[in-house]
Amino acid sequence: MENTYELLVLNENTLGYRIPKYPKTLFILSFLILRGAYYLGQESVELNDKSILRPVVDQDSDDFRIVLDGYKKDKDCINYN
């Protein structure tokens, strides 16, 4: 359980992962400035009541231009395998 994580999309403009040790933090993997992301140079973002989160889906690989295949095979990823 300690090494688990979940892949999430924040506000439809940021793709990242959250670990149980820091449940109010999303560690950024990719973001889209044209969709309103403003995290340039940041490694993580603090989540709050206005944060809209959803699980990652296959389409996010194209949208965020990131290869997600490895996460599907990772047994520690609790929501995308």
Protein backbone atom coordinates (compact mmCIF):
# COMPACT_ATOMS: atom_id res chain seq x y z
CA MET A 1 0.00 0.00 0.00
CA GLU A 2 2.88 2.36 0.72
CA ASN A 3 4.13 2.32 -2.89
CA THR A 4 0.74 2.73 -4.53
CA TYR A 5 -0.34 5.77 -6.51
CA GLU A 6 -3.19 6.87 -8.71
CA LEU A 7 -3.08 8.73 -12.02
CA LEU A 8 -5.46 11.68 -12.16
CA VAL A 9 -6.43 14.61 -14.36
CA LEU A 10 -6.91 17.91 -12.55
CA ASN A 11 -9.33 20.48 -13.99
CA GLU A 12 -8.98 18.92 -17.47
CA ASN A 13 -5.60 20.65 -17.88
CA THR A 14 -3.10 18.78 -15.71
CA LEU A 15 -2.13 15.10 -15.60
CA GLY A 16 -0.37 13.82 -12.54
CA TYR A 17 -0.21 11.26 -9.79
CA ARG A 18 -1.20 11.23 -6.12
CA ILE A 19 0.35 9.05 -3.42
CA PRO A 20 -1.27 8.09 -0.11
CA LYS A 21 1.42 9.87 1.94
CA TYR A 22 0.42 13.25 0.38
CA PRO A 23 -3.32 13.01 -0.41
CA LYS A 24 -3.70 16.77 -0.96
CA THR A 25 -0.82 16.99 -3.47
CA LEU A 26 -0.83 16.15 -7.17
CA PHE A 27 2.63 15.55 -8.63
CA ILE A 28 2.63 16.91 -12.18
CA LEU A 29 3.54 14.74 -15.17
CA SER A 30 2.14 16.97 -17.93
CA PHE A 31 -0.07 20.03 -18.31
CA LEU A 32 -1.81 22.02 -21.03
CA ILE A 33 -1.38 25.80 -20.89
CA LEU A 34 -3.98 26.31 -23.63
CA ARG A 35 -6.56 24.68 -21.34
CA GLY A 36 -5.72 26.95 -18.42
CA ALA A 37 -2.85 25.27 -16.60
CA TYR A 38 -0.45 27.71 -14.98
CA TYR A 39 2.03 25.38 -13.28
CA LEU A 40 5.07 26.24 -15.40
CA GLY A 41 8.15 25.23 -13.43
CA GLN A 42 6.24 23.54 -10.63
CA GLU A 43 6.66 19.87 -9.73
CA SER A 44 3.42 19.59 -7.78
CA VAL A 45 0.20 21.42 -6.98
CA GLU A 46 -1.82 21.51 -3.78
CA LEU A 47 -5.39 20.26 -4.13
CA ASN A 48 -8.29 22.16 -2.58
CA ASP A 49 -12.11 22.16 -2.53
CA LYS A 50 -12.25 23.65 -6.04
CA SER A 51 -10.02 20.96 -7.55
CA ILE A 52 -11.88 18.77 -10.03
CA LEU A 53 -10.22 15.36 -10.30
CA ARG A 54 -10.96 12.39 -12.49
CA PRO A 55 -9.14 9.13 -13.24
CA VAL A 56 -6.90 8.97 -16.30
CA VAL A 57 -8.37 7.38 -19.45
CA ASP A 58 -6.66 6.19 -22.65
CA GLN A 59 -7.51 9.40 -24.55
CA ASP A 60 -5.37 11.38 -22.07
CA SER A 61 -2.28 9.79 -23.61
CA ASP A 62 -2.96 11.71 -26.83
CA ASP A 63 -4.27 14.87 -25.19
CA PHE A 64 -1.28 15.30 -22.87
CA ARG A 65 1.23 13.75 -25.28
CA ILE A 66 2.51 11.27 -22.75
CA VAL A 67 2.90 7.50 -23.08
CA LEU A 68 0.80 5.80 -20.40
CA ASP A 69 1.41 2.16 -21.43
CA GLY A 70 3.87 1.51 -18.60
CA TYR A 71 1.36 2.64 -15.99
CA LYS A 72 -1.15 0.05 -17.20
CA LYS A 73 1.35 -2.71 -16.41
CA ASP A 74 2.41 -1.29 -13.04
CA LYS A 75 0.69 -3.15 -10.19
CA ASP A 76 1.24 -0.17 -7.87
CA CYS A 77 -0.96 2.07 -10.02
CA ILE A 78 -4.32 1.56 -8.34
CA ASN A 79 -6.67 3.10 -10.91
CA TYR A 80 -5.29 2.57 -14.43
CA ASN A 81 -4.50 -1.11 -14.93
